[in-house]
Amino acid sequence: MIYLKLFITFFEIGIFGFGGGYAMISLIQGQVVTTHEWMTMQEFTNVVAVSQMTPGPVGINSATYCGYTAVHNAGYNGFMAVLGSATATFALVLPSLILMILISKMFMKYMNTPAVQSIFIGLRPAVVGLIAAAALLLMNQENFSTPDDPWTFYISIAIFISTFVGIRLIKVNPIKMIAMAAFAGLLLLY
């Protein structure tokens, strides 16, 4: 039964997940943490972190990890959890695959028409909103601590601000910033 729920849930996310993986994060979080309670917010934060670190699209990596965790948390092990990963990943990709097959020829023919251009203009703000929602969802107690623990809280805020300034204003390579932020996080452990 969980496989059918996983398939339907991630198929719906795949249908409405315009804007790529980062735009899907808030949709995935709403379904797997809030609606179905397949995992905790702490586990979902780990999903996002691992999904960003592993090669491949963030949305697909998140679906893979969420499928595995959901089935594992339901009491299944090994192969059954891997099957959950495959189910969630396939369900997330399937709507895009179907749509690309159906509209690839039509899109090339009608891509420069005013109606199609208007649709894309309307989708841009929605994509920005979904990405912003994903960023706000990750600004939680698990990632930043709370002011009750001022050391961790203010250091987390400082790392966030310095990373933003480094990438956006100083134009430091994002890979270098990730490595520096990871190093700063390791220093906090000691």
N, C-alpha and C. Protein backbone atom coordinates (compact mmCIF):
# COMPACT_ATOMS: atom_id res chain seq x y z
N MET A 1 0.82 -1.20 0.00
CA MET A 1 0.00 0.00 0.00
C MET A 1 0.87 1.26 0.00
N ILE A 2 1.99 1.22 0.72
CA ILE A 2 2.84 2.40 0.77
C ILE A 2 3.43 2.73 -0.60
N TYR A 3 3.65 1.70 -1.42
CA TYR A 3 4.21 1.95 -2.75
C TYR A 3 3.23 2.71 -3.63
N LEU A 4 1.96 2.39 -3.54
CA LEU A 4 0.94 3.10 -4.30
C LEU A 4 0.85 4.55 -3.83
N LYS A 5 0.88 4.77 -2.50
CA LYS A 5 0.85 6.14 -1.97
C LYS A 5 2.09 6.92 -2.40
N LEU A 6 3.25 6.26 -2.36
CA LEU A 6 4.48 6.91 -2.82
C LEU A 6 4.36 7.29 -4.29
N PHE A 7 3.87 6.38 -5.10
CA PHE A 7 3.75 6.64 -6.53
C PHE A 7 2.82 7.82 -6.79
N ILE A 8 1.65 7.82 -6.19
CA ILE A 8 0.68 8.89 -6.41
C ILE A 8 1.23 10.22 -5.92
N THR A 9 1.83 10.22 -4.74
CA THR A 9 2.37 11.45 -4.17
C THR A 9 3.45 12.06 -5.05
N PHE A 10 4.43 11.25 -5.44
CA PHE A 10 5.53 11.78 -6.24
C PHE A 10 5.13 12.04 -7.68
N PHE A 11 4.12 11.34 -8.18
CA PHE A 11 3.59 11.65 -9.50
C PHE A 11 2.96 13.04 -9.50
N GLU A 12 2.18 13.34 -8.44
CA GLU A 12 1.58 14.67 -8.31
C GLU A 12 2.65 15.75 -8.19
N ILE A 13 3.69 15.48 -7.41
CA ILE A 13 4.78 16.44 -7.28
C ILE A 13 5.45 16.65 -8.63
N GLY A 14 5.63 15.57 -9.37
CA GLY A 14 6.22 15.68 -10.70
C GLY A 14 5.38 16.50 -11.65
N ILE A 15 4.06 16.44 -11.51
CA ILE A 15 3.17 17.22 -12.37
C ILE A 15 3.27 18.71 -12.05
N PHE A 16 3.30 19.04 -10.76
CA PHE A 16 3.23 20.45 -10.36
C PHE A 16 4.58 21.04 -9.99
N GLY A 17 5.66 20.31 -10.16
CA GLY A 17 6.98 20.77 -9.77
C GLY A 17 7.70 21.56 -10.84
N PHE A 18 7.11 22.66 -11.30
CA PHE A 18 7.77 23.50 -12.30
C PHE A 18 8.97 24.18 -11.67
N GLY A 19 10.04 24.30 -12.42
CA GLY A 19 11.20 25.05 -11.96
C GLY A 19 12.35 24.21 -11.47
N GLY A 20 12.24 22.90 -11.57
CA GLY A 20 13.35 22.05 -11.19
C GLY A 20 13.31 21.59 -9.75
N GLY A 21 14.42 20.98 -9.34
CA GLY A 21 14.50 20.33 -8.04
C GLY A 21 14.31 21.24 -6.85
N TYR A 22 14.94 22.42 -6.88
CA TYR A 22 14.82 23.32 -5.74
C TYR A 22 13.39 23.81 -5.56
N ALA A 23 12.69 23.97 -6.66
CA ALA A 23 11.29 24.37 -6.58
C ALA A 23 10.42 23.24 -6.02
N MET A 24 10.86 21.99 -6.20
CA MET A 24 10.10 20.84 -5.72
C MET A 24 10.30 20.58 -4.24
N ILE A 25 11.34 21.11 -3.65
CA ILE A 25 11.66 20.78 -2.26
C ILE A 25 10.51 21.11 -1.32
N SER A 26 9.89 22.29 -1.49
CA SER A 26 8.78 22.64 -0.60
C SER A 26 7.58 21.73 -0.84
N LEU A 27 7.36 21.32 -2.08
CA LEU A 27 6.25 20.39 -2.36
C LEU A 27 6.52 19.03 -1.72
N ILE A 28 7.75 18.55 -1.86
CA ILE A 28 8.11 17.25 -1.28
C ILE A 28 7.99 17.31 0.23
N GLN A 29 8.49 18.38 0.84
CA GLN A 29 8.43 18.52 2.30
C GLN A 29 6.97 18.51 2.77
N GLY A 30 6.12 19.24 2.08
CA GLY A 30 4.72 19.29 2.47
C GLY A 30 4.06 17.92 2.46
N GLN A 31 4.44 17.10 1.49
CA GLN A 31 3.82 15.78 1.37
C GLN A 31 4.42 14.76 2.34
N VAL A 32 5.75 14.64 2.35
CA VAL A 32 6.36 13.55 3.11
C VAL A 32 6.46 13.84 4.61
N VAL A 33 6.54 15.12 4.99
CA VAL A 33 6.64 15.45 6.42
C VAL A 33 5.28 15.79 7.00
N THR A 34 4.56 16.70 6.34
CA THR A 34 3.32 17.21 6.92
C THR A 34 2.12 16.32 6.62
N THR A 35 1.88 16.02 5.36
CA THR A 35 0.67 15.28 4.98
C THR A 35 0.73 13.81 5.37
N HIS A 36 1.76 13.10 4.92
CA HIS A 36 1.82 11.65 5.14
C HIS A 36 2.62 11.26 6.39
N GLU A 37 3.43 12.18 6.91
CA GLU A 37 4.26 11.93 8.10
C GLU A 37 5.14 10.70 7.92
N TRP A 38 5.73 10.57 6.73
CA TRP A 38 6.64 9.46 6.47
C TRP A 38 8.00 9.68 7.12
N MET A 39 8.32 10.94 7.41
CA MET A 39 9.60 11.25 8.07
C MET A 39 9.45 12.54 8.85
N THR A 40 10.41 12.76 9.73
CA THR A 40 10.41 13.98 10.54
C THR A 40 11.07 15.11 9.76
N MET A 41 10.94 16.32 10.28
CA MET A 41 11.59 17.47 9.63
C MET A 41 13.11 17.32 9.69
N GLN A 42 13.61 16.74 10.77
CA GLN A 42 15.06 16.50 10.89
C GLN A 42 15.53 15.55 9.78
N GLU A 43 14.77 14.48 9.56
CA GLU A 43 15.13 13.54 8.50
C GLU A 43 15.05 14.22 7.13
N PHE A 44 14.03 15.07 6.94
CA PHE A 44 13.90 15.75 5.66
C PHE A 44 15.05 16.73 5.43
N THR A 45 15.50 17.39 6.47
CA THR A 45 16.65 18.28 6.35
C THR A 45 17.87 17.48 5.90
N ASN A 46 18.03 16.28 6.43
CA ASN A 46 19.12 15.41 6.00
C ASN A 46 18.94 15.00 4.54
N VAL A 47 17.70 14.76 4.13
CA VAL A 47 17.41 14.41 2.74
C VAL A 47 17.90 15.51 1.82
N VAL A 48 17.57 16.75 2.15
CA VAL A 48 17.96 17.88 1.30
C VAL A 48 19.48 18.01 1.26
N ALA A 49 20.13 17.85 2.42
CA ALA A 49 21.60 17.96 2.46
C ALA A 49 22.25 16.89 1.60
N VAL A 50 21.82 15.65 1.74
CA VAL A 50 22.40 14.56 0.97
C VAL A 50 22.08 14.73 -0.51
N SER A 51 20.88 15.18 -0.81
CA SER A 51 20.47 15.38 -2.21
C SER A 51 21.30 16.45 -2.90
N GLN A 52 21.72 17.44 -2.15
CA GLN A 52 22.55 18.50 -2.73
C GLN A 52 23.99 18.04 -2.91
N MET A 53 24.45 17.14 -2.05
CA MET A 53 25.84 16.70 -2.11
C MET A 53 26.07 15.61 -3.15
N THR A 54 25.03 14.86 -3.49
CA THR A 54 25.21 13.76 -4.43
C THR A 54 25.02 14.25 -5.86
N PRO A 55 25.67 13.61 -6.81
CA PRO A 55 25.52 14.02 -8.22
C PRO A 55 24.09 13.80 -8.70
N GLY A 56 23.64 14.68 -9.55
CA GLY A 56 22.31 14.55 -10.13
C GLY A 56 21.38 15.65 -9.67
N PRO A 57 20.20 15.69 -10.27
CA PRO A 57 19.23 16.72 -9.92
C PRO A 57 18.74 16.57 -8.48
N VAL A 58 18.58 17.70 -7.81
CA VAL A 58 18.19 17.70 -6.40
C VAL A 58 16.81 17.07 -6.20
N GLY A 59 15.86 17.38 -7.07
CA GLY A 59 14.51 16.84 -6.93
C GLY A 59 14.48 15.32 -7.03
N ILE A 60 15.22 14.79 -8.00
CA ILE A 60 15.25 13.34 -8.18
C ILE A 60 15.99 12.67 -7.02
N ASN A 61 17.10 13.26 -6.60
CA ASN A 61 17.83 12.71 -5.45
C ASN A 61 16.96 12.73 -4.20
N SER A 62 16.20 13.81 -4.01
CA SER A 62 15.30 13.90 -2.85
C SER A 62 14.22 12.83 -2.91
N ALA A 63 13.64 12.63 -4.09
CA ALA A 63 12.61 11.60 -4.24
C ALA A 63 13.17 10.22 -3.93
N THR A 64 14.38 9.97 -4.42
CA THR A 64 15.01 8.67 -4.18
C THR A 64 15.20 8.42 -2.69
N TYR A 65 15.76 9.40 -2.01
CA TYR A 65 16.03 9.26 -0.58
C TYR A 65 14.72 9.21 0.22
N CYS A 66 13.73 10.05 -0.16
CA CYS A 66 12.45 10.04 0.55
C CYS A 66 11.73 8.71 0.38
N GLY A 67 11.78 8.14 -0.82
CA GLY A 67 11.15 6.83 -1.04
C GLY A 67 11.78 5.76 -0.17
N TYR A 68 13.10 5.77 -0.10
CA TYR A 68 13.80 4.80 0.73
C TYR A 68 13.44 4.98 2.20
N THR A 69 13.50 6.23 2.67
CA THR A 69 13.24 6.51 4.09
C THR A 69 11.80 6.20 4.46
N ALA A 70 10.86 6.55 3.59
CA ALA A 70 9.45 6.29 3.88
C ALA A 70 9.18 4.79 4.05
N VAL A 71 9.71 4.00 3.14
CA VAL A 71 9.50 2.55 3.23
C VAL A 71 10.27 1.97 4.43
N HIS A 72 11.46 2.45 4.66
CA HIS A 72 12.25 1.98 5.81
C HIS A 72 11.55 2.32 7.12
N ASN A 73 11.02 3.56 7.22
CA ASN A 73 10.31 3.96 8.44
C ASN A 73 8.99 3.22 8.61
N ALA A 74 8.45 2.67 7.52
CA ALA A 74 7.23 1.87 7.60
C ALA A 74 7.50 0.45 8.09
N GLY A 75 8.79 0.12 8.30
CA GLY A 75 9.12 -1.17 8.87
C GLY A 75 9.73 -2.17 7.91
N TYR A 76 9.98 -1.77 6.68
CA TYR A 76 10.59 -2.66 5.70
C TYR A 76 12.09 -2.41 5.65
N ASN A 77 12.83 -3.42 5.22
CA ASN A 77 14.28 -3.28 5.13
C ASN A 77 14.77 -3.67 3.75
N GLY A 78 16.04 -3.38 3.51
CA GLY A 78 16.76 -3.88 2.34
C GLY A 78 16.11 -3.59 1.02
N PHE A 79 15.81 -4.67 0.30
CA PHE A 79 15.29 -4.57 -1.06
C PHE A 79 13.98 -3.81 -1.11
N MET A 80 13.12 -3.97 -0.11
CA MET A 80 11.83 -3.29 -0.12
C MET A 80 12.01 -1.77 -0.04
N ALA A 81 12.99 -1.32 0.74
CA ALA A 81 13.27 0.12 0.84
C ALA A 81 13.86 0.64 -0.48
N VAL A 82 14.71 -0.16 -1.11
CA VAL A 82 15.26 0.22 -2.42
C VAL A 82 14.13 0.30 -3.45
N LEU A 83 13.17 -0.59 -3.37
CA LEU A 83 12.00 -0.54 -4.25
C LEU A 83 11.20 0.75 -4.01
N GLY A 84 11.14 1.21 -2.77
CA GLY A 84 10.51 2.49 -2.47
C GLY A 84 11.24 3.64 -3.14
N SER A 85 12.57 3.58 -3.13
CA SER A 85 13.37 4.60 -3.82
C SER A 85 13.05 4.61 -5.31
N ALA A 86 13.02 3.45 -5.91
CA ALA A 86 12.75 3.34 -7.34
C ALA A 86 11.34 3.83 -7.67
N THR A 87 10.39 3.50 -6.82
CA THR A 87 9.00 3.92 -7.04
C THR A 87 8.87 5.44 -7.01
N ALA A 88 9.43 6.07 -5.98
CA ALA A 88 9.33 7.52 -5.85
C ALA A 88 10.06 8.22 -7.00
N THR A 89 11.23 7.72 -7.35
CA THR A 89 12.01 8.34 -8.43
C THR A 89 11.29 8.23 -9.77
N PHE A 90 10.80 7.03 -10.08
CA PHE A 90 10.09 6.82 -11.34
C PHE A 90 8.83 7.68 -11.40
N ALA A 91 8.09 7.75 -10.29
CA ALA A 91 6.85 8.53 -10.26
C ALA A 91 7.13 10.02 -10.45
N LEU A 92 8.24 10.51 -9.91
CA LEU A 92 8.58 11.92 -10.06
C LEU A 92 8.96 12.26 -11.50
N VAL A 93 9.65 11.35 -12.15
CA VAL A 93 10.14 11.60 -13.52
C VAL A 93 9.06 11.34 -14.57
N LEU A 94 8.13 10.46 -14.29
CA LEU A 94 7.13 10.04 -15.28
C LEU A 94 6.32 11.18 -15.89
N PRO A 95 5.78 12.13 -15.11
CA PRO A 95 5.02 13.22 -15.75
C PRO A 95 5.86 14.02 -16.76
N SER A 96 7.10 14.30 -16.41
CA SER A 96 7.97 15.04 -17.33
C SER A 96 8.23 14.24 -18.59
N LEU A 97 8.46 12.96 -18.43
CA LEU A 97 8.70 12.10 -19.59
C LEU A 97 7.48 12.08 -20.51
N ILE A 98 6.31 11.92 -19.94
CA ILE A 98 5.08 11.89 -20.73
C ILE A 98 4.87 13.22 -21.45
N LEU A 99 5.02 14.32 -20.69
CA LEU A 99 4.82 15.63 -21.29
C LEU A 99 5.82 15.93 -22.39
N MET A 100 7.06 15.56 -22.18
CA MET A 100 8.08 15.82 -23.21
C MET A 100 7.80 15.03 -24.48
N ILE A 101 7.35 13.82 -24.34
CA ILE A 101 7.02 13.02 -25.51
C ILE A 101 5.82 13.62 -26.25
N LEU A 102 4.81 14.06 -25.49
CA LEU A 102 3.58 14.57 -26.11
C LEU A 102 3.74 15.94 -26.76
N ILE A 103 4.54 16.82 -26.16
CA ILE A 103 4.56 18.19 -26.67
C ILE A 103 5.85 18.60 -27.36
N SER A 104 6.81 17.72 -27.49
CA SER A 104 8.09 18.13 -28.08
C SER A 104 7.91 18.68 -29.50
N LYS A 105 7.15 18.01 -30.32
CA LYS A 105 6.94 18.49 -31.70
C LYS A 105 6.08 19.75 -31.73
N MET A 106 5.04 19.77 -30.90
CA MET A 106 4.14 20.93 -30.89
C MET A 106 4.85 22.17 -30.36
N PHE A 107 5.70 22.00 -29.38
CA PHE A 107 6.39 23.15 -28.79
C PHE A 107 7.27 23.84 -29.81
N MET A 108 8.01 23.08 -30.57
CA MET A 108 8.88 23.68 -31.58
C MET A 108 8.06 24.45 -32.61
N LYS A 109 6.87 23.98 -32.90
CA LYS A 109 6.02 24.63 -33.89
C LYS A 109 5.39 25.92 -33.35
N TYR A 110 4.98 25.90 -32.06
CA TYR A 110 4.23 27.04 -31.51
C TYR A 110 5.01 27.84 -30.47
N MET A 111 6.31 27.62 -30.33
CA MET A 111 7.07 28.23 -29.25
C MET A 111 7.09 29.76 -29.31
N ASN A 112 7.00 30.35 -30.46
CA ASN A 112 7.08 31.80 -30.58
C ASN A 112 5.72 32.49 -30.63
N THR A 113 4.65 31.76 -30.37
CA THR A 113 3.33 32.38 -30.38
C THR A 113 3.11 33.15 -29.09
N PRO A 114 2.29 34.18 -29.13
CA PRO A 114 2.04 34.99 -27.92
C PRO A 114 1.44 34.18 -26.76
N ALA A 115 0.59 33.22 -27.06
CA ALA A 115 -0.03 32.44 -25.98
C ALA A 115 1.01 31.64 -25.21
N VAL A 116 1.92 30.98 -25.91
CA VAL A 116 2.96 30.18 -25.26
C VAL A 116 3.90 31.09 -24.49
N GLN A 117 4.28 32.22 -25.06
CA GLN A 117 5.15 33.16 -24.37
C GLN A 117 4.48 33.70 -23.11
N SER A 118 3.18 33.94 -23.16
CA SER A 118 2.45 34.42 -21.98
C SER A 118 2.42 33.38 -20.88
N ILE A 119 2.29 32.12 -21.25
CA ILE A 119 2.30 31.04 -20.26
C ILE A 119 3.63 31.02 -19.52
N PHE A 120 4.73 31.12 -20.26
CA PHE A 120 6.05 31.10 -19.63
C PHE A 120 6.29 32.34 -18.76
N ILE A 121 5.77 33.47 -19.19
CA ILE A 121 5.89 34.69 -18.37
C ILE A 121 5.13 34.50 -17.06
N GLY A 122 3.98 33.83 -17.11
CA GLY A 122 3.20 33.58 -15.90
C GLY A 122 3.84 32.56 -14.97
N LEU A 123 4.59 31.60 -15.54
CA LEU A 123 5.22 30.57 -14.72
C LEU A 123 6.46 31.07 -13.97
N ARG A 124 7.15 32.07 -14.49
CA ARG A 124 8.38 32.55 -13.86
C ARG A 124 8.19 32.97 -12.41
N PRO A 125 7.18 33.81 -12.08
CA PRO A 125 7.02 34.18 -10.67
C PRO A 125 6.67 32.98 -9.77
N ALA A 126 5.93 32.03 -10.32
CA ALA A 126 5.60 30.85 -9.54
C ALA A 126 6.85 30.04 -9.21
N VAL A 127 7.75 29.93 -10.17
CA VAL A 127 9.00 29.21 -9.95
C VAL A 127 9.85 29.91 -8.88
N VAL A 128 9.95 31.23 -8.97
CA VAL A 128 10.69 31.99 -7.97
C VAL A 128 10.07 31.79 -6.59
N GLY A 129 8.76 31.81 -6.52
CA GLY A 129 8.07 31.59 -5.24
C GLY A 129 8.34 30.21 -4.66
N LEU A 130 8.34 29.19 -5.50
CA LEU A 130 8.61 27.83 -5.01
C LEU A 130 10.05 27.69 -4.51
N ILE A 131 11.00 28.31 -5.20
CA ILE A 131 12.39 28.26 -4.75
C ILE A 131 12.54 29.02 -3.44
N ALA A 132 11.89 30.18 -3.33
CA ALA A 132 11.94 30.95 -2.08
C ALA A 132 11.30 30.16 -0.93
N ALA A 133 10.21 29.47 -1.21
CA ALA A 133 9.57 28.65 -0.18
C ALA A 133 10.51 27.54 0.29
N ALA A 134 11.25 26.94 -0.63
CA ALA A 134 12.22 25.90 -0.25
C ALA A 134 13.30 26.48 0.63
N ALA A 135 13.78 27.66 0.29
CA ALA A 135 14.82 28.30 1.12
C ALA A 135 14.29 28.61 2.51
N LEU A 136 13.07 29.13 2.59
CA LEU A 136 12.49 29.45 3.91
C LEU A 136 12.23 28.20 4.73
N LEU A 137 11.84 27.10 4.07
CA LEU A 137 11.62 25.85 4.81
C LEU A 137 12.90 25.32 5.45
N LEU A 138 14.03 25.61 4.81
CA LEU A 138 15.30 25.13 5.35
C LEU A 138 15.87 26.04 6.43
N MET A 139 15.27 27.19 6.62
CA MET A 139 15.69 28.09 7.70
C MET A 139 14.89 27.74 8.94
N ASN A 140 15.22 26.60 9.51
CA ASN A 140 14.47 26.10 10.65
C ASN A 140 15.42 25.81 11.82
N GLN A 141 14.85 25.33 12.89
CA GLN A 141 15.60 25.07 14.11
C GLN A 141 16.69 24.03 13.91
N GLU A 142 16.46 23.04 13.06
CA GLU A 142 17.46 22.00 12.83
C GLU A 142 18.70 22.56 12.14
N ASN A 143 18.53 23.57 11.29
CA ASN A 143 19.66 24.13 10.55
C ASN A 143 20.32 25.31 11.23
N PHE A 144 19.55 26.12 11.96
CA PHE A 144 20.09 27.34 12.54
C PHE A 144 20.08 27.35 14.06
N SER A 145 19.56 26.30 14.68
CA SER A 145 19.40 26.26 16.12
C SER A 145 18.37 27.32 16.52
N THR A 146 18.44 27.79 17.76
CA THR A 146 17.54 28.84 18.23
C THR A 146 18.34 29.84 19.04
N PRO A 147 17.78 31.03 19.28
CA PRO A 147 18.50 32.00 20.12
C PRO A 147 18.75 31.49 21.54
N ASP A 148 18.06 30.41 21.95
CA ASP A 148 18.31 29.82 23.27
C ASP A 148 19.73 29.26 23.35
N ASP A 149 20.28 28.85 22.22
CA ASP A 149 21.66 28.38 22.13
C ASP A 149 22.42 29.41 21.29
N PRO A 150 22.79 30.54 21.90
CA PRO A 150 23.31 31.67 21.11
C PRO A 150 24.56 31.34 20.30
N TRP A 151 25.46 30.54 20.83
CA TRP A 151 26.70 30.23 20.10
C TRP A 151 26.39 29.60 18.75
N THR A 152 25.64 28.52 18.75
CA THR A 152 25.31 27.82 17.51
C THR A 152 24.43 28.69 16.60
N PHE A 153 23.48 29.38 17.18
CA PHE A 153 22.57 30.21 16.39
C PHE A 153 23.31 31.32 15.65
N TYR A 154 24.11 32.08 16.36
CA TYR A 154 24.79 33.21 15.72
C TYR A 154 25.90 32.76 14.78
N ILE A 155 26.56 31.66 15.09
CA ILE A 155 27.56 31.12 14.15
C ILE A 155 26.86 30.64 12.87
N SER A 156 25.72 30.00 13.02
CA SER A 156 24.96 29.55 11.84
C SER A 156 24.54 30.73 10.98
N ILE A 157 24.06 31.78 11.61
CA ILE A 157 23.67 32.99 10.87
C ILE A 157 24.89 33.60 10.19
N ALA A 158 26.02 33.64 10.89
CA ALA A 158 27.25 34.20 10.30
C ALA A 158 27.72 33.39 9.10
N ILE A 159 27.66 32.07 9.19
CA ILE A 159 28.04 31.22 8.06
C ILE A 159 27.10 31.46 6.89
N PHE A 160 25.81 31.55 7.17
CA PHE A 160 24.82 31.82 6.12
C PHE A 160 25.10 33.15 5.42
N ILE A 161 25.30 34.21 6.20
CA ILE A 161 25.54 35.54 5.62
C ILE A 161 26.85 35.56 4.84
N SER A 162 27.91 34.98 5.43
CA SER A 162 29.20 35.00 4.73
C SER A 162 29.15 34.18 3.44
N THR A 163 28.42 33.08 3.43
CA THR A 163 28.27 32.29 2.21
C THR A 163 27.49 33.08 1.16
N PHE A 164 26.42 33.73 1.57
CA PHE A 164 25.64 34.54 0.63
C PHE A 164 26.50 35.66 0.04
N VAL A 165 27.21 36.38 0.91
CA VAL A 165 28.06 37.48 0.44
C VAL A 165 29.18 36.95 -0.45
N GLY A 166 29.78 35.83 -0.05
CA GLY A 166 30.88 35.27 -0.83
C GLY A 166 30.46 34.87 -2.23
N ILE A 167 29.31 34.22 -2.35
CA ILE A 167 28.85 33.75 -3.66
C ILE A 167 28.26 34.90 -4.47
N ARG A 168 27.42 35.69 -3.84
CA ARG A 168 26.66 36.71 -4.58
C ARG A 168 27.47 37.97 -4.88
N LEU A 169 28.21 38.46 -3.90
CA LEU A 169 28.88 39.75 -4.08
C LEU A 169 30.35 39.61 -4.46
N ILE A 170 31.07 38.72 -3.79
CA ILE A 170 32.50 38.58 -4.05
C ILE A 170 32.75 37.62 -5.22
N LYS A 171 31.75 36.82 -5.55
CA LYS A 171 31.82 35.87 -6.68
C LYS A 171 32.82 34.73 -6.43
N VAL A 172 32.84 34.24 -5.20
CA VAL A 172 33.67 33.07 -4.88
C VAL A 172 32.99 31.85 -5.50
N ASN A 173 33.78 30.91 -5.96
CA ASN A 173 33.26 29.68 -6.53
C ASN A 173 32.37 28.97 -5.49
N PRO A 174 31.13 28.58 -5.86
CA PRO A 174 30.23 27.94 -4.89
C PRO A 174 30.80 26.66 -4.28
N ILE A 175 31.59 25.92 -5.04
CA ILE A 175 32.18 24.70 -4.49
C ILE A 175 33.16 25.05 -3.37
N LYS A 176 33.94 26.09 -3.57
CA LYS A 176 34.86 26.54 -2.52
C LYS A 176 34.09 27.02 -1.30
N MET A 177 32.98 27.72 -1.52
CA MET A 177 32.17 28.20 -0.39
C MET A 177 31.56 27.03 0.38
N ILE A 178 31.12 26.02 -0.32
CA ILE A 178 30.57 24.83 0.36
C ILE A 178 31.65 24.19 1.20
N ALA A 179 32.86 24.06 0.65
CA ALA A 179 33.96 23.46 1.40
C ALA A 179 34.31 24.31 2.63
N MET A 180 34.35 25.62 2.46
CA MET A 180 34.66 26.50 3.60
C MET A 180 33.57 26.44 4.67
N ALA A 181 32.31 26.41 4.24
CA ALA A 181 31.20 26.32 5.20
C ALA A 181 31.23 24.97 5.94
N ALA A 182 31.56 23.91 5.22
CA ALA A 182 31.68 22.59 5.85
C ALA A 182 32.81 22.60 6.88
N PHE A 183 33.94 23.21 6.51
CA PHE A 183 35.07 23.30 7.43
C PHE A 183 34.68 24.09 8.68
N ALA A 184 33.95 25.21 8.48
CA ALA A 184 33.49 26.01 9.63
C ALA A 184 32.55 25.19 10.49
N GLY A 185 31.67 24.42 9.87
CA GLY A 185 30.78 23.55 10.63
C GLY A 185 31.51 22.49 11.43
N LEU A 186 32.57 21.93 10.83
CA LEU A 186 33.38 20.94 11.56
C LEU A 186 34.08 21.59 12.76
N LEU A 187 34.53 22.82 12.60
CA LEU A 187 35.15 23.51 13.73
C LEU A 187 34.17 23.71 14.87
N LEU A 188 32.90 23.88 14.53
CA LEU A 188 31.88 24.07 15.57
C LEU A 188 31.65 22.81 16.40
N LEU A 189 31.97 21.65 15.83
CA LEU A 189 31.78 20.41 16.56
C LEU A 189 32.75 20.26 17.72
N TYR A 190 33.87 20.95 17.65
CA TYR A 190 34.89 20.80 18.67
C TYR A 190 34.96 21.95 19.62
